Amino acid sequence: MIYYLLTIKYDGYNYFGWAKQKNQKTIQGEIEKALYKLSNKSIWTLGSSRTDKQVHALGQKCLVKIPFLISKNNLKRHLNGHLPEDIFVCHIKEIDPNFNIRQAKNKIYKYNLIYKRDVYKVKTHLLFKSNINETRINKACQLFVGKHNFFNFCKNKKEENINFNREIKILKFIQYKDKGTFIIEGPSFIRHQIRMIIGTILAYNDQKINLEYIKDKLKNTNTNNNKTRYIVPGNGLLLYKIQFNNML
């Protein structure tokens, strides 16, 4: 058995996220279909991040268990020869069998905005037509930095019994001439967490809510009825990089 770690980039606009789903086109599903063609047998894969529908990646990591001998160069050549044009394996590294792909040290995401219609960026950026107040946005960003219970900023429910306490190391907004980018870093994120946080911050930019709204959502997490109602689409979100303790 050979364990390979794949670094993958993809345009996720035409996919229903990373994780394979019955009767849906997904990134993991396409990778496993390409792997199946190696031996006409199913090959196990596990991704580091379960990106949502239409979310993109430059540095997704995927662990693959190959039950026969094949070099990493031949595996890369095979995969890129059978994957759709919007999915590409950038790098393959042989890895220790005990490596835990779900224990990342840090994940870096970017959420990209454009302020006027651009047909070349419509699939990878959110068209945001409101006036941007960079100072106001970054003031809201700082409320999310640190360790918090993010139950009100995810799609999960209490009954799912998962850990809603997460740490955000960095959350900032950078304004350019004709676009803007949120950068968010942390060890792990919950379903839709980043999109709901950014949606809430943009609502604050538009003066639809005040800072007390955000503070309340971070503090009062005992009911399913207090979740933020703001969320941005998936197409503006990019999984930029995943870092592990061994510097993979």
Protein backbone atom coordinates (compact mmCIF):
# COMPACT_ATOMS: atom_id res chain seq x y z
CA MET A 1 0.00 0.00 0.00
CA ILE A 2 1.39 3.41 -1.00
CA TYR A 3 0.10 6.62 0.58
CA TYR A 4 0.28 9.69 -1.61
CA LEU A 5 -0.60 13.27 -0.71
CA LEU A 6 -2.01 15.23 -3.64
CA THR A 7 -2.05 19.01 -3.96
CA ILE A 8 -4.96 19.97 -6.17
CA LYS A 9 -6.30 23.16 -7.68
CA TYR A 10 -9.74 23.51 -9.18
CA ASP A 11 -12.39 25.85 -10.48
CA GLY A 12 -15.33 24.70 -8.39
CA TYR A 13 -18.03 26.73 -10.11
CA ASN A 14 -19.59 23.74 -11.88
CA TYR A 15 -19.36 21.36 -8.91
CA PHE A 16 -21.42 20.57 -5.83
CA GLY A 17 -18.42 20.95 -3.55
CA TRP A 18 -15.52 18.66 -2.68
CA ALA A 19 -17.19 15.67 -1.03
CA LYS A 20 -18.65 13.00 -3.27
CA GLN A 21 -22.45 12.86 -3.34
CA LYS A 22 -24.85 10.50 -5.03
CA ASN A 23 -26.05 11.85 -8.39
CA GLN A 24 -24.04 15.07 -8.04
CA LYS A 25 -20.85 16.22 -9.75
CA THR A 26 -18.14 16.81 -7.14
CA ILE A 27 -14.36 17.28 -7.07
CA GLN A 28 -13.70 14.16 -5.00
CA GLY A 29 -16.04 12.20 -7.25
CA GLU A 30 -14.10 13.21 -10.37
CA ILE A 31 -10.77 12.31 -8.74
CA GLU A 32 -12.05 8.88 -7.71
CA LYS A 33 -13.40 8.27 -11.23
CA ALA A 34 -9.95 9.05 -12.65
CA LEU A 35 -8.31 6.78 -10.05
CA TYR A 36 -10.72 3.96 -10.88
CA LYS A 37 -9.37 3.90 -14.43
CA LEU A 38 -5.96 2.87 -13.09
CA SER A 39 -7.09 -0.66 -12.15
CA ASN A 40 -10.88 -0.83 -12.52
CA LYS A 41 -11.10 -0.82 -8.73
CA SER A 42 -12.25 1.84 -6.27
CA ILE A 43 -9.39 3.69 -4.58
CA TRP A 44 -9.82 5.38 -1.20
CA THR A 45 -9.37 9.16 -0.94
CA LEU A 46 -9.77 11.73 1.84
CA GLY A 47 -9.66 15.50 1.46
CA SER A 48 -8.37 17.95 4.02
CA SER A 49 -11.17 20.50 3.46
CA ARG A 50 -14.76 19.84 2.42
CA THR A 51 -15.21 22.92 0.25
CA ASP A 52 -18.81 23.94 -0.54
CA LYS A 53 -20.65 24.16 -3.84
CA GLN A 54 -18.90 26.50 -6.32
CA VAL A 55 -15.91 27.09 -4.01
CA HIS A 56 -12.47 27.05 -5.65
CA ALA A 57 -9.04 25.86 -4.53
CA LEU A 58 -5.39 26.50 -5.26
CA GLY A 59 -4.06 24.26 -2.51
CA GLN A 60 -6.50 21.51 -1.59
CA LYS A 61 -4.85 18.42 -0.09
CA CYS A 62 -6.06 14.89 -0.76
CA LEU A 63 -4.75 11.64 0.73
CA VAL A 64 -4.83 8.61 -1.57
CA LYS A 65 -4.17 4.95 -0.70
CA ILE A 66 -2.87 3.05 -3.73
CA PRO A 67 -2.93 -0.78 -3.31
CA PHE A 68 -0.31 -1.38 -6.03
CA LEU A 69 3.01 0.05 -7.18
CA ILE A 70 2.92 3.23 -9.24
CA SER A 71 5.35 6.14 -9.20
CA LYS A 72 4.15 9.58 -8.21
CA ASN A 73 5.08 10.92 -11.65
CA ASN A 74 3.03 8.26 -13.44
CA LEU A 75 0.13 8.82 -11.05
CA LYS A 76 0.19 12.55 -11.68
CA ARG A 77 0.35 12.01 -15.43
CA HIS A 78 -2.56 9.58 -15.32
CA LEU A 79 -4.77 11.81 -13.18
CA ASN A 80 -4.22 14.95 -15.20
CA GLY A 81 -4.87 12.97 -18.35
CA HIS A 82 -8.28 11.81 -17.11
CA LEU A 83 -9.53 14.69 -14.98
CA PRO A 84 -11.75 17.47 -16.38
CA GLU A 85 -9.92 20.61 -17.50
CA ASP A 86 -11.03 22.56 -14.41
CA ILE A 87 -9.31 20.13 -11.99
CA PHE A 88 -5.51 19.79 -11.91
CA VAL A 89 -3.10 17.84 -9.70
CA CYS A 90 -0.17 20.18 -9.04
CA HIS A 91 2.04 18.00 -6.86
CA ILE A 92 2.21 14.49 -5.39
CA LYS A 93 4.27 13.43 -2.39
CA GLU A 94 4.65 9.99 -0.82
CA ILE A 95 3.53 10.24 2.79
CA ASP A 96 3.75 8.25 6.03
CA PRO A 97 0.73 5.93 6.58
CA ASN A 98 0.16 7.57 9.98
CA PHE A 99 -0.23 11.05 8.51
CA ASN A 100 -3.53 12.65 9.57
CA ILE A 101 -4.82 14.88 6.78
CA ARG A 102 -7.59 16.26 9.00
CA GLN A 103 -5.14 17.78 11.51
CA ALA A 104 -3.96 20.84 9.61
CA LYS A 105 -1.96 23.48 11.43
CA ASN A 106 -3.51 26.27 9.39
CA LYS A 107 -5.89 26.82 6.48
CA ILE A 108 -5.85 30.02 4.47
CA TYR A 109 -8.93 31.10 2.56
CA LYS A 110 -9.58 34.17 0.44
CA TYR A 111 -12.92 35.69 -0.48
CA ASN A 112 -12.78 37.92 -3.53
CA LEU A 113 -15.03 40.84 -4.49
CA ILE A 114 -15.29 42.87 -7.68
CA TYR A 115 -17.13 46.19 -7.87
CA LYS A 116 -18.14 46.22 -11.49
CA ARG A 117 -19.22 43.49 -13.86
CA ASP A 118 -16.37 41.50 -15.37
CA VAL A 119 -17.30 38.49 -17.49
CA TYR A 120 -13.88 36.93 -16.88
CA LYS A 121 -14.25 37.02 -13.09
CA VAL A 122 -17.97 36.36 -12.61
CA LYS A 123 -17.34 32.72 -11.63
CA THR A 124 -14.59 33.45 -9.13
CA HIS A 125 -15.62 36.76 -7.53
CA LEU A 126 -18.70 38.20 -5.87
CA LEU A 127 -20.04 41.26 -7.68
CA PHE A 128 -20.54 43.74 -4.82
CA LYS A 129 -22.08 47.05 -5.84
CA SER A 130 -22.23 48.85 -2.49
CA ASN A 131 -19.65 51.42 -1.44
CA ILE A 132 -16.82 49.80 0.50
CA ASN A 133 -15.67 51.26 3.80
CA GLU A 134 -12.37 49.45 4.44
CA THR A 135 -11.99 50.83 7.96
CA ARG A 136 -15.52 49.82 8.90
CA ILE A 137 -15.08 46.33 7.47
CA ASN A 138 -11.80 45.67 9.29
CA LYS A 139 -13.34 46.87 12.55
CA ALA A 140 -15.96 44.14 12.19
CA CYS A 141 -13.31 41.61 11.18
CA GLN A 142 -11.51 42.00 14.49
CA LEU A 143 -14.55 40.83 16.45
CA PHE A 144 -14.15 37.37 14.93
CA VAL A 145 -10.40 36.98 15.57
CA GLY A 146 -9.54 34.60 18.41
CA LYS A 147 -11.33 31.61 19.90
CA HIS A 148 -15.13 31.77 19.82
CA ASN A 149 -18.21 29.61 19.66
CA PHE A 150 -19.23 30.01 16.01
CA PHE A 151 -22.54 28.14 16.25
CA ASN A 152 -24.47 31.15 14.95
CA PHE A 153 -22.14 31.41 11.97
CA CYS A 154 -22.58 27.93 10.52
CA LYS A 155 -25.31 25.75 9.00
CA ASN A 156 -24.97 22.99 11.58
CA LYS A 157 -27.55 22.44 14.33
CA LYS A 158 -27.12 21.69 18.04
CA GLU A 159 -28.35 18.14 17.53
CA GLU A 160 -25.33 17.35 15.36
CA ASN A 161 -23.18 17.42 18.49
CA ILE A 162 -20.01 18.82 16.94
CA ASN A 163 -17.49 21.22 18.40
CA PHE A 164 -18.51 24.77 17.48
CA ASN A 165 -15.50 26.33 19.21
CA ARG A 166 -13.00 27.38 16.58
CA GLU A 167 -10.06 29.76 16.34
CA ILE A 168 -9.58 32.42 13.71
CA LYS A 169 -5.96 33.57 13.66
CA ILE A 170 -6.29 36.26 10.99
CA LEU A 171 -9.28 37.96 9.39
CA LYS A 172 -8.66 41.10 7.38
CA PHE A 173 -9.88 42.91 4.31
CA ILE A 174 -7.57 44.40 1.68
CA GLN A 175 -8.94 47.02 -0.69
CA TYR A 176 -7.58 47.38 -4.21
CA LYS A 177 -8.58 49.79 -6.97
CA ASP A 178 -11.34 47.71 -8.53
CA LYS A 179 -11.60 44.70 -6.21
CA GLY A 180 -11.28 43.62 -2.59
CA THR A 181 -10.12 40.48 -0.80
CA PHE A 182 -10.87 39.00 2.61
CA ILE A 183 -8.10 36.82 4.03
CA ILE A 184 -9.06 34.38 6.78
CA GLU A 185 -6.78 31.90 8.53
CA GLY A 186 -7.43 29.22 11.11
CA PRO A 187 -6.86 25.52 11.85
CA SER A 188 -10.39 24.45 10.86
CA PHE A 189 -13.79 25.79 9.91
CA ILE A 190 -17.39 24.59 10.16
CA ARG A 191 -19.86 24.27 7.29
CA HIS A 192 -20.56 27.68 5.71
CA GLN A 193 -18.71 29.44 8.56
CA ILE A 194 -16.54 31.65 6.38
CA ARG A 195 -19.38 32.59 4.04
CA MET A 196 -21.69 33.51 6.92
CA ILE A 197 -19.00 35.57 8.66
CA ILE A 198 -18.23 37.53 5.50
CA GLY A 199 -21.91 37.95 4.69
CA THR A 200 -22.43 39.44 8.15
CA ILE A 201 -19.43 41.77 7.79
CA LEU A 202 -20.71 43.04 4.44
CA ALA A 203 -24.12 43.62 6.03
CA TYR A 204 -22.34 45.77 8.62
CA ASN A 205 -20.56 47.61 5.79
CA ASP A 206 -24.00 48.38 4.32
CA GLN A 207 -25.25 49.56 7.75
CA LYS A 208 -27.92 46.87 7.84
CA ILE A 209 -26.66 45.80 11.28
CA ASN A 210 -24.44 47.22 14.04
CA LEU A 211 -21.53 45.71 15.94
CA GLU A 212 -23.85 44.64 18.74
CA TYR A 213 -25.53 42.27 16.29
CA ILE A 214 -22.21 40.48 15.75
CA LYS A 215 -21.34 40.45 19.46
CA ASP A 216 -24.74 38.95 20.28
CA LYS A 217 -24.28 36.16 17.71
CA LEU A 218 -20.88 35.30 19.19
CA LYS A 219 -22.18 35.34 22.77
CA ASN A 220 -25.72 33.91 22.73
CA THR A 221 -25.24 30.45 21.25
CA ASN A 222 -27.75 28.36 23.21
CA THR A 223 -30.54 28.17 20.63
CA ASN A 224 -30.96 27.25 16.97
CA ASN A 225 -32.96 30.46 16.43
CA ASN A 226 -30.19 33.05 16.75
CA LYS A 227 -28.10 32.34 13.65
CA THR A 228 -27.00 35.17 11.40
CA ARG A 229 -29.22 35.54 8.34
CA TYR A 230 -26.41 36.80 6.12
CA ILE A 231 -24.33 34.59 3.82
CA VAL A 232 -22.36 35.22 0.63
CA PRO A 233 -22.33 32.86 -2.40
CA GLY A 234 -19.68 30.16 -2.67
CA ASN A 235 -18.14 31.31 -5.94
CA GLY A 236 -16.10 34.12 -4.34
CA LEU A 237 -14.37 31.75 -1.91
CA LEU A 238 -10.95 30.27 -2.58
CA LEU A 239 -9.08 27.67 -0.52
CA TYR A 240 -5.64 29.18 -0.92
CA LYS A 241 -3.31 27.01 1.17
CA ILE A 242 -3.27 24.27 3.81
CA GLN A 243 -0.31 24.03 6.18
CA PHE A 244 0.72 21.12 8.40
CA ASN A 245 3.13 20.95 11.34
CA ASN A 246 5.70 19.08 9.24
CA MET A 247 5.64 21.94 6.70
CA LEU A 248 4.11 19.89 3.85
